[in-house]
Amino acid sequence: MIESFRHKGLKRLYERGDKSRLRTDIADKAELYLSVLDSAEKLKELDITGFSFHPLTGNMRGFYSVFVSRNHRIIFRFEDGKAFDIDLVDYH
C-alpha cells in the first residue's frame, strides 16, 4: 500500500491517473510500477525482471530503487507492507 509521495507528478498519476506532469517515456512504466508497489505486501514482490530493484546505500540507506528509464529511478522506503516517500530521481 502506498502511504506517501515526495514527487507531485507521481502522486497525481497515482491518485488521478493524470500523466501530464511526467515525461511520456516515463509515465507508462511509472504507472505500472506504482500499481505493483501499491499491491505489494513484501519486498520480494517488488523484484520484477527489468526493473533492477535494489536497496540503496550511504545517505540513502533504507530506500529502494527501481529502473524507469536510462537516467530515472523511482525510489521509496518500504516498511510493514507500506511504501513511503516515493520519488522520481534523475541519477545523472
PDB file of N, CA and C in Angstrom:
ATOM      1  N   MET A   1       0.840  -1.176   0.000  1.00  0.00           N
ATOM      2  CA  MET A   1       0.000   0.000   0.000  1.00  0.00           C
ATOM      3  C   MET A   1       0.887   1.242   0.000  1.00  0.00           C
ATOM      4  N   ILE A   2       0.532   2.188  -0.813  1.00  0.00           N
ATOM      5  CA  ILE A   2       1.287   3.440  -0.882  1.00  0.00           C
ATOM      6  C   ILE A   2       0.765   4.400   0.177  1.00  0.00           C
ATOM      7  N   GLU A   3       1.679   4.945   0.951  1.00  0.00           N
ATOM      8  CA  GLU A   3       1.331   5.863   2.037  1.00  0.00           C
ATOM      9  C   GLU A   3       1.667   7.323   1.733  1.00  0.00           C
ATOM     10  N   SER A   4       2.830   7.574   1.080  1.00  0.00           N
ATOM     11  CA  SER A   4       3.208   8.974   0.853  1.00  0.00           C
ATOM     12  C   SER A   4       4.120   9.126  -0.364  1.00  0.00           C
ATOM     13  N   PHE A   5       4.081  10.333  -0.915  1.00  0.00           N
ATOM     14  CA  PHE A   5       4.888  10.685  -2.084  1.00  0.00           C
ATOM     15  C   PHE A   5       5.759  11.900  -1.776  1.00  0.00           C
ATOM     16  N   ARG A   6       6.893  11.974  -2.439  1.00  0.00           N
ATOM     17  CA  ARG A   6       7.699  13.190  -2.481  1.00  0.00           C
ATOM     18  C   ARG A   6       7.497  13.887  -3.823  1.00  0.00           C
ATOM     19  N   HIS A   7       7.282  13.117  -4.867  1.00  0.00           N
ATOM     20  CA  HIS A   7       7.161  13.641  -6.227  1.00  0.00           C
ATOM     21  C   HIS A   7       5.701  13.913  -6.555  1.00  0.00           C
ATOM     22  N   LYS A   8       5.370  15.166  -6.851  1.00  0.00           N
ATOM     23  CA  LYS A   8       3.983  15.568  -7.097  1.00  0.00           C
ATOM     24  C   LYS A   8       3.400  14.933  -8.363  1.00  0.00           C
ATOM     25  N   GLY A   9       4.238  14.745  -9.385  1.00  0.00           N
ATOM     26  CA  GLY A   9       3.760  14.123 -10.620  1.00  0.00           C
ATOM     27  C   GLY A   9       3.375  12.671 -10.412  1.00  0.00           C
ATOM     28  N   LEU A  10       4.160  11.936  -9.618  1.00  0.00           N
ATOM     29  CA  LEU A  10       3.819  10.545  -9.318  1.00  0.00           C
ATOM     30  C   LEU A  10       2.549  10.468  -8.474  1.00  0.00           C
ATOM     31  N   LYS A  11       2.408  11.380  -7.542  1.00  0.00           N
ATOM     32  CA  LYS A  11       1.206  11.407  -6.704  1.00  0.00           C
ATOM     33  C   LYS A  11      -0.030  11.660  -7.564  1.00  0.00           C
ATOM     34  N   ARG A  12       0.089  12.588  -8.477  1.00  0.00           N
ATOM     35  CA  ARG A  12      -1.030  12.913  -9.368  1.00  0.00           C
ATOM     36  C   ARG A  12      -1.374  11.724 -10.265  1.00  0.00           C
ATOM     37  N   LEU A  13      -0.354  11.016 -10.753  1.00  0.00           N
ATOM     38  CA  LEU A  13      -0.575   9.821 -11.567  1.00  0.00           C
ATOM     39  C   LEU A  13      -1.299   8.757 -10.757  1.00  0.00           C
ATOM     40  N   TYR A  14      -0.865   8.531  -9.540  1.00  0.00           N
ATOM     41  CA  TYR A  14      -1.453   7.518  -8.670  1.00  0.00           C
ATOM     42  C   TYR A  14      -2.898   7.863  -8.282  1.00  0.00           C
ATOM     43  N   GLU A  15      -3.140   9.090  -7.906  1.00  0.00           N
ATOM     44  CA  GLU A  15      -4.460   9.483  -7.413  1.00  0.00           C
ATOM     45  C   GLU A  15      -5.480   9.763  -8.505  1.00  0.00           C
ATOM     46  N   ARG A  16      -5.027  10.318  -9.634  1.00  0.00           N
ATOM     47  CA  ARG A  16      -5.958  10.760 -10.673  1.00  0.00           C
ATOM     48  C   ARG A  16      -5.763  10.086 -12.029  1.00  0.00           C
ATOM     49  N   GLY A  17      -4.666   9.342 -12.183  1.00  0.00           N
ATOM     50  CA  GLY A  17      -4.369   8.771 -13.491  1.00  0.00           C
ATOM     51  C   GLY A  17      -3.860   9.807 -14.475  1.00  0.00           C
ATOM     52  N   ASP A  18      -3.450  10.971 -13.966  1.00  0.00           N
ATOM     53  CA  ASP A  18      -3.005  12.087 -14.788  1.00  0.00           C
ATOM     54  C   ASP A  18      -1.498  11.987 -15.044  1.00  0.00           C
ATOM     55  N   LYS A  19      -1.132  11.762 -16.303  1.00  0.00           N
ATOM     56  CA  LYS A  19       0.267  11.608 -16.695  1.00  0.00           C
ATOM     57  C   LYS A  19       0.918  12.921 -17.141  1.00  0.00           C
ATOM     58  N   SER A  20       0.198  14.017 -17.099  1.00  0.00           N
ATOM     59  CA  SER A  20       0.661  15.279 -17.677  1.00  0.00           C
ATOM     60  C   SER A  20       1.898  15.856 -16.988  1.00  0.00           C
ATOM     61  N   ARG A  21       2.188  15.477 -15.775  1.00  0.00           N
ATOM     62  CA  ARG A  21       3.347  16.019 -15.056  1.00  0.00           C
ATOM     63  C   ARG A  21       4.592  15.139 -15.182  1.00  0.00           C
ATOM     64  N   LEU A  22       4.490  14.103 -16.022  1.00  0.00           N
ATOM     65  CA  LEU A  22       5.614  13.191 -16.236  1.00  0.00           C
ATOM     66  C   LEU A  22       5.973  13.159 -17.715  1.00  0.00           C
ATOM     67  N   ARG A  23       7.245  12.902 -17.986  1.00  0.00           N
ATOM     68  CA  ARG A  23       7.668  12.736 -19.378  1.00  0.00           C
ATOM     69  C   ARG A  23       6.960  11.528 -19.973  1.00  0.00           C
ATOM     70  N   THR A  24       6.638  11.584 -21.243  1.00  0.00           N
ATOM     71  CA  THR A  24       5.888  10.498 -21.882  1.00  0.00           C
ATOM     72  C   THR A  24       6.635   9.175 -21.863  1.00  0.00           C
ATOM     73  N   ASP A  25       7.978   9.208 -21.927  1.00  0.00           N
ATOM     74  CA  ASP A  25       8.751   7.963 -21.921  1.00  0.00           C
ATOM     75  C   ASP A  25       8.843   7.345 -20.524  1.00  0.00           C
ATOM     76  N   ILE A  26       8.392   8.042 -19.510  1.00  0.00           N
ATOM     77  CA  ILE A  26       8.446   7.567 -18.126  1.00  0.00           C
ATOM     78  C   ILE A  26       7.066   7.174 -17.605  1.00  0.00           C
ATOM     79  N   ALA A  27       6.040   7.837 -18.052  1.00  0.00           N
ATOM     80  CA  ALA A  27       4.700   7.731 -17.467  1.00  0.00           C
ATOM     81  C   ALA A  27       4.146   6.305 -17.411  1.00  0.00           C
ATOM     82  N   ASP A  28       4.216   5.567 -18.518  1.00  0.00           N
ATOM     83  CA  ASP A  28       3.624   4.228 -18.536  1.00  0.00           C
ATOM     84  C   ASP A  28       4.335   3.270 -17.592  1.00  0.00           C
ATOM     85  N   LYS A  29       5.652   3.297 -17.602  1.00  0.00           N
ATOM     86  CA  LYS A  29       6.406   2.414 -16.718  1.00  0.00           C
ATOM     87  C   LYS A  29       6.197   2.815 -15.257  1.00  0.00           C
ATOM     88  N   ALA A  30       6.138   4.110 -14.980  1.00  0.00           N
ATOM     89  CA  ALA A  30       5.885   4.584 -13.616  1.00  0.00           C
ATOM     90  C   ALA A  30       4.507   4.126 -13.155  1.00  0.00           C
ATOM     91  N   GLU A  31       3.522   4.202 -14.024  1.00  0.00           N
ATOM     92  CA  GLU A  31       2.169   3.775 -13.667  1.00  0.00           C
ATOM     93  C   GLU A  31       2.135   2.280 -13.332  1.00  0.00           C
ATOM     94  N   LEU A  32       2.818   1.484 -14.128  1.00  0.00           N
ATOM     95  CA  LEU A  32       2.903   0.044 -13.861  1.00  0.00           C
ATOM     96  C   LEU A  32       3.550  -0.216 -12.509  1.00  0.00           C
ATOM     97  N   TYR A  33       4.666   0.449 -12.253  1.00  0.00           N
ATOM     98  CA  TYR A  33       5.365   0.185 -11.005  1.00  0.00           C
ATOM     99  C   TYR A  33       4.586   0.688  -9.796  1.00  0.00           C
ATOM    100  N   LEU A  34       3.902   1.796  -9.899  1.00  0.00           N
ATOM    101  CA  LEU A  34       3.077   2.276  -8.784  1.00  0.00           C
ATOM    102  C   LEU A  34       1.975   1.266  -8.467  1.00  0.00           C
ATOM    103  N   SER A  35       1.424   0.644  -9.484  1.00  0.00           N
ATOM    104  CA  SER A  35       0.406  -0.379  -9.288  1.00  0.00           C
ATOM    105  C   SER A  35       0.977  -1.581  -8.529  1.00  0.00           C
ATOM    106  N   VAL A  36       2.156  -2.014  -8.925  1.00  0.00           N
ATOM    107  CA  VAL A  36       2.822  -3.127  -8.244  1.00  0.00           C
ATOM    108  C   VAL A  36       3.157  -2.743  -6.808  1.00  0.00           C
ATOM    109  N   LEU A  37       3.684  -1.560  -6.628  1.00  0.00           N
ATOM    110  CA  LEU A  37       4.066  -1.070  -5.305  1.00  0.00           C
ATOM    111  C   LEU A  37       2.843  -0.965  -4.386  1.00  0.00           C
ATOM    112  N   ASP A  38       1.733  -0.546  -4.933  1.00  0.00           N
ATOM    113  CA  ASP A  38       0.517  -0.398  -4.138  1.00  0.00           C
ATOM    114  C   ASP A  38      -0.021  -1.747  -3.655  1.00  0.00           C
ATOM    115  N   SER A  39       0.163  -2.785  -4.440  1.00  0.00           N
ATOM    116  CA  SER A  39      -0.376  -4.091  -4.070  1.00  0.00           C
ATOM    117  C   SER A  39       0.608  -4.985  -3.318  1.00  0.00           C
ATOM    118  N   ALA A  40       1.885  -4.621  -3.299  1.00  0.00           N
ATOM    119  CA  ALA A  40       2.908  -5.459  -2.666  1.00  0.00           C
ATOM    120  C   ALA A  40       2.784  -5.467  -1.148  1.00  0.00           C
ATOM    121  N   GLU A  41       2.958  -6.643  -0.583  1.00  0.00           N
ATOM    122  CA  GLU A  41       2.964  -6.789   0.869  1.00  0.00           C
ATOM    123  C   GLU A  41       4.354  -7.106   1.394  1.00  0.00           C
ATOM    124  N   LYS A  42       5.218  -7.619   0.492  1.00  0.00           N
ATOM    125  CA  LYS A  42       6.593  -7.974   0.867  1.00  0.00           C
ATOM    126  C   LYS A  42       7.560  -7.463  -0.186  1.00  0.00           C
ATOM    127  N   LEU A  43       8.781  -7.189   0.246  1.00  0.00           N
ATOM    128  CA  LEU A  43       9.797  -6.660  -0.676  1.00  0.00           C
ATOM    129  C   LEU A  43      10.038  -7.565  -1.869  1.00  0.00           C
ATOM    130  N   LYS A  44      10.015  -8.864  -1.693  1.00  0.00           N
ATOM    131  CA  LYS A  44      10.327  -9.765  -2.807  1.00  0.00           C
ATOM    132  C   LYS A  44       9.322  -9.643  -3.954  1.00  0.00           C
ATOM    133  N   GLU A  45       8.126  -9.140  -3.669  1.00  0.00           N
ATOM    134  CA  GLU A  45       7.127  -8.928  -4.715  1.00  0.00           C
ATOM    135  C   GLU A  45       7.513  -7.773  -5.641  1.00  0.00           C
ATOM    136  N   LEU A  46       8.446  -6.950  -5.202  1.00  0.00           N
ATOM    137  CA  LEU A  46       8.861  -5.782  -5.976  1.00  0.00           C
ATOM    138  C   LEU A  46      10.034  -6.070  -6.905  1.00  0.00           C
ATOM    139  N   ASP A  47      10.623  -7.246  -6.776  1.00  0.00           N
ATOM    140  CA  ASP A  47      11.777  -7.621  -7.593  1.00  0.00           C
ATOM    141  C   ASP A  47      11.303  -8.205  -8.921  1.00  0.00           C
ATOM    142  N   ILE A  48      10.964  -7.314  -9.842  1.00  0.00           N
ATOM    143  CA  ILE A  48      10.422  -7.691 -11.143  1.00  0.00           C
ATOM    144  C   ILE A  48      11.527  -7.601 -12.192  1.00  0.00           C
ATOM    145  N   THR A  49      11.617  -8.603 -13.026  1.00  0.00           N
ATOM    146  CA  THR A  49      12.609  -8.615 -14.092  1.00  0.00           C
ATOM    147  C   THR A  49      12.492  -7.348 -14.934  1.00  0.00           C
ATOM    148  N   GLY A  50      13.626  -6.696 -15.154  1.00  0.00           N
ATOM    149  CA  GLY A  50      13.653  -5.481 -15.964  1.00  0.00           C
ATOM    150  C   GLY A  50      13.571  -4.189 -15.162  1.00  0.00           C
ATOM    151  N   PHE A  51      13.246  -4.279 -13.876  1.00  0.00           N
ATOM    152  CA  PHE A  51      13.140  -3.085 -13.052  1.00  0.00           C
ATOM    153  C   PHE A  51      14.386  -2.821 -12.212  1.00  0.00           C
ATOM    154  N   SER A  52      15.325  -3.741 -12.202  1.00  0.00           N
ATOM    155  CA  SER A  52      16.586  -3.569 -11.462  1.00  0.00           C
ATOM    156  C   SER A  52      16.347  -3.112 -10.017  1.00  0.00           C
ATOM    157  N   PHE A  53      15.456  -3.784  -9.335  1.00  0.00           N
ATOM    158  CA  PHE A  53      15.147  -3.480  -7.941  1.00  0.00           C
ATOM    159  C   PHE A  53      16.361  -3.733  -7.062  1.00  0.00           C
ATOM    160  N   HIS A  54      16.700  -2.742  -6.202  1.00  0.00           N
ATOM    161  CA  HIS A  54      17.819  -2.931  -5.276  1.00  0.00           C
ATOM    162  C   HIS A  54      17.760  -1.918  -4.132  1.00  0.00           C
ATOM    163  N   PRO A  55      18.352  -2.296  -2.993  1.00  0.00           N
ATOM    164  CA  PRO A  55      18.416  -1.345  -1.873  1.00  0.00           C
ATOM    165  C   PRO A  55      19.494  -0.305  -2.140  1.00  0.00           C
ATOM    166  N   LEU A  56      19.290   0.895  -1.643  1.00  0.00           N
ATOM    167  CA  LEU A  56      20.288   1.955  -1.764  1.00  0.00           C
ATOM    168  C   LEU A  56      21.186   1.946  -0.522  1.00  0.00           C
ATOM    169  N   THR A  57      22.348   2.558  -0.655  1.00  0.00           N
ATOM    170  CA  THR A  57      23.321   2.582   0.439  1.00  0.00           C
ATOM    171  C   THR A  57      23.711   4.025   0.758  1.00  0.00           C
ATOM    172  N   GLY A  58      24.616   4.173   1.694  1.00  0.00           N
ATOM    173  CA  GLY A  58      25.111   5.501   2.048  1.00  0.00           C
ATOM    174  C   GLY A  58      24.034   6.348   2.688  1.00  0.00           C
ATOM    175  N   ASN A  59      23.955   7.622   2.260  1.00  0.00           N
ATOM    176  CA  ASN A  59      22.963   8.517   2.858  1.00  0.00           C
ATOM    177  C   ASN A  59      21.532   8.194   2.431  1.00  0.00           C
ATOM    178  N   MET A  60      21.363   7.265   1.518  1.00  0.00           N
ATOM    179  CA  MET A  60      20.033   6.818   1.080  1.00  0.00           C
ATOM    180  C   MET A  60      19.674   5.449   1.662  1.00  0.00           C
ATOM    181  N   ARG A  61      20.450   5.013   2.638  1.00  0.00           N
ATOM    182  CA  ARG A  61      20.176   3.726   3.295  1.00  0.00           C
ATOM    183  C   ARG A  61      18.726   3.717   3.795  1.00  0.00           C
ATOM    184  N   GLY A  62      18.049   2.589   3.576  1.00  0.00           N
ATOM    185  CA  GLY A  62      16.646   2.465   3.959  1.00  0.00           C
ATOM    186  C   GLY A  62      15.697   2.683   2.790  1.00  0.00           C
ATOM    187  N   PHE A  63      16.231   3.196   1.676  1.00  0.00           N
ATOM    188  CA  PHE A  63      15.441   3.379   0.458  1.00  0.00           C
ATOM    189  C   PHE A  63      15.748   2.260  -0.527  1.00  0.00           C
ATOM    190  N   TYR A  64      14.807   2.033  -1.430  1.00  0.00           N
ATOM    191  CA  TYR A  64      14.974   1.063  -2.508  1.00  0.00           C
ATOM    192  C   TYR A  64      14.788   1.802  -3.822  1.00  0.00           C
ATOM    193  N   SER A  65      15.309   1.216  -4.900  1.00  0.00           N
ATOM    194  CA  SER A  65      15.268   1.867  -6.200  1.00  0.00           C
ATOM    195  C   SER A  65      14.829   0.880  -7.271  1.00  0.00           C
ATOM    196  N   VAL A  66      14.100   1.394  -8.272  1.00  0.00           N
ATOM    197  CA  VAL A  66      13.768   0.625  -9.468  1.00  0.00           C
ATOM    198  C   VAL A  66      14.051   1.479 -10.700  1.00  0.00           C
ATOM    199  N   PHE A  67      14.427   0.811 -11.762  1.00  0.00           N
ATOM    200  CA  PHE A  67      14.752   1.447 -13.033  1.00  0.00           C
ATOM    201  C   PHE A  67      13.472   1.885 -13.741  1.00  0.00           C
ATOM    202  N   VAL A  68      13.459   3.121 -14.240  1.00  0.00           N
ATOM    203  CA  VAL A  68      12.327   3.621 -15.025  1.00  0.00           C
ATOM    204  C   VAL A  68      12.783   3.947 -16.442  1.00  0.00           C
ATOM    205  N   SER A  69      13.877   4.673 -16.573  1.00  0.00           N
ATOM    206  CA  SER A  69      14.444   4.983 -17.884  1.00  0.00           C
ATOM    207  C   SER A  69      15.958   5.085 -17.725  1.00  0.00           C
ATOM    208  N   ARG A  70      16.634   5.437 -18.792  1.00  0.00           N
ATOM    209  CA  ARG A  70      18.089   5.490 -18.762  1.00  0.00           C
ATOM    210  C   ARG A  70      18.628   6.223 -17.537  1.00  0.00           C
ATOM    211  N   ASN A  71      18.128   7.398 -17.233  1.00  0.00           N
ATOM    212  CA  ASN A  71      18.622   8.189 -16.117  1.00  0.00           C
ATOM    213  C   ASN A  71      17.708   8.202 -14.906  1.00  0.00           C
ATOM    214  N   HIS A  72      16.483   7.762 -15.042  1.00  0.00           N
ATOM    215  CA  HIS A  72      15.485   7.957 -13.998  1.00  0.00           C
ATOM    216  C   HIS A  72      15.196   6.695 -13.199  1.00  0.00           C
ATOM    217  N   ARG A  73      15.015   6.891 -11.906  1.00  0.00           N
ATOM    218  CA  ARG A  73      14.681   5.816 -10.986  1.00  0.00           C
ATOM    219  C   ARG A  73      13.538   6.274 -10.088  1.00  0.00           C
ATOM    220  N   ILE A  74      12.706   5.326  -9.693  1.00  0.00           N
ATOM    221  CA  ILE A  74      11.744   5.570  -8.629  1.00  0.00           C
ATOM    222  C   ILE A  74      12.386   5.030  -7.361  1.00  0.00           C
ATOM    223  N   ILE A  75      12.435   5.876  -6.331  1.00  0.00           N
ATOM    224  CA  ILE A  75      12.979   5.442  -5.049  1.00  0.00           C
ATOM    225  C   ILE A  75      11.886   5.548  -3.993  1.00  0.00           C
ATOM    226  N   PHE A  76      12.015   4.723  -2.955  1.00  0.00           N
ATOM    227  CA  PHE A  76      10.989   4.681  -1.916  1.00  0.00           C
ATOM    228  C   PHE A  76      11.508   3.926  -0.701  1.00  0.00           C
ATOM    229  N   ARG A  77      10.836   4.127   0.421  1.00  0.00           N
ATOM    230  CA  ARG A  77      11.063   3.320   1.622  1.00  0.00           C
ATOM    231  C   ARG A  77       9.921   2.311   1.689  1.00  0.00           C
ATOM    232  N   PHE A  78      10.183   1.149   2.287  1.00  0.00           N
ATOM    233  CA  PHE A  78       9.158   0.108   2.394  1.00  0.00           C
ATOM    234  C   PHE A  78       9.222  -0.495   3.783  1.00  0.00           C
ATOM    235  N   GLU A  79       8.136  -0.326   4.538  1.00  0.00           N
ATOM    236  CA  GLU A  79       8.080  -0.836   5.910  1.00  0.00           C
ATOM    237  C   GLU A  79       6.705  -1.445   6.174  1.00  0.00           C
ATOM    238  N   ASP A  80       6.689  -2.647   6.714  1.00  0.00           N
ATOM    239  CA  ASP A  80       5.435  -3.307   7.112  1.00  0.00           C
ATOM    240  C   ASP A  80       4.393  -3.320   6.001  1.00  0.00           C
ATOM    241  N   GLY A  81       4.826  -3.615   4.774  1.00  0.00           N
ATOM    242  CA  GLY A  81       3.902  -3.703   3.655  1.00  0.00           C
ATOM    243  C   GLY A  81       3.419  -2.375   3.114  1.00  0.00           C
ATOM    244  N   LYS A  82       4.066  -1.287   3.514  1.00  0.00           N
ATOM    245  CA  LYS A  82       3.663   0.041   3.065  1.00  0.00           C
ATOM    246  C   LYS A  82       4.839   0.788   2.449  1.00  0.00           C
ATOM    247  N   ALA A  83       4.560   1.555   1.392  1.00  0.00           N
ATOM    248  CA  ALA A  83       5.591   2.335   0.700  1.00  0.00           C
ATOM    249  C   ALA A  83       5.458   3.810   1.090  1.00  0.00           C
ATOM    250  N   PHE A  84       6.595   4.429   1.379  1.00  0.00           N
ATOM    251  CA  PHE A  84       6.643   5.816   1.821  1.00  0.00           C
ATOM    252  C   PHE A  84       7.638   6.618   0.982  1.00  0.00           C
ATOM    253  N   ASP A  85       7.458   7.928   0.941  1.00  0.00           N
ATOM    254  CA  ASP A  85       8.416   8.861   0.345  1.00  0.00           C
ATOM    255  C   ASP A  85       8.784   8.494  -1.088  1.00  0.00           C
ATOM    256  N   ILE A  86       7.791   8.155  -1.897  1.00  0.00           N
ATOM    257  CA  ILE A  86       8.036   7.744  -3.276  1.00  0.00           C
ATOM    258  C   ILE A  86       8.458   8.975  -4.085  1.00  0.00           C
ATOM    259  N   ASP A  87       9.577   8.816  -4.794  1.00  0.00           N
ATOM    260  CA  ASP A  87      10.147   9.938  -5.536  1.00  0.00           C
ATOM    261  C   ASP A  87      10.677   9.458  -6.877  1.00  0.00           C
ATOM    262  N   LEU A  88      10.749  10.349  -7.824  1.00  0.00           N
ATOM    263  CA  LEU A  88      11.334  10.090  -9.143  1.00  0.00           C
ATOM    264  C   LEU A  88      12.601  10.914  -9.204  1.00  0.00           C
ATOM    265  N   VAL A  89      13.742  10.273  -9.389  1.00  0.00           N
ATOM    266  CA  VAL A  89      15.020  10.990  -9.379  1.00  0.00           C
ATOM    267  C   VAL A  89      15.792  10.736 -10.662  1.00  0.00           C
ATOM    268  N   ASP A  90      16.577  11.726 -11.034  1.00  0.00           N
ATOM    269  CA  ASP A  90      17.473  11.645 -12.193  1.00  0.00           C
ATOM    270  C   ASP A  90      18.878  11.449 -11.634  1.00  0.00           C
ATOM    271  N   TYR A  91      19.480  10.306 -11.934  1.00  0.00           N
ATOM    272  CA  TYR A  91      20.782   9.974 -11.371  1.00  0.00           C
ATOM    273  C   TYR A  91      21.945  10.659 -12.079  1.00  0.00           C
ATOM    274  N   HIS A  92      21.711  11.304 -13.212  1.00  0.00           N
ATOM    275  CA  HIS A  92      22.844  11.895 -13.952  1.00  0.00           C
ATOM    276  C   HIS A  92      22.641  13.365 -14.166  1.00  0.00           C
TER     277      HIS A  92
END
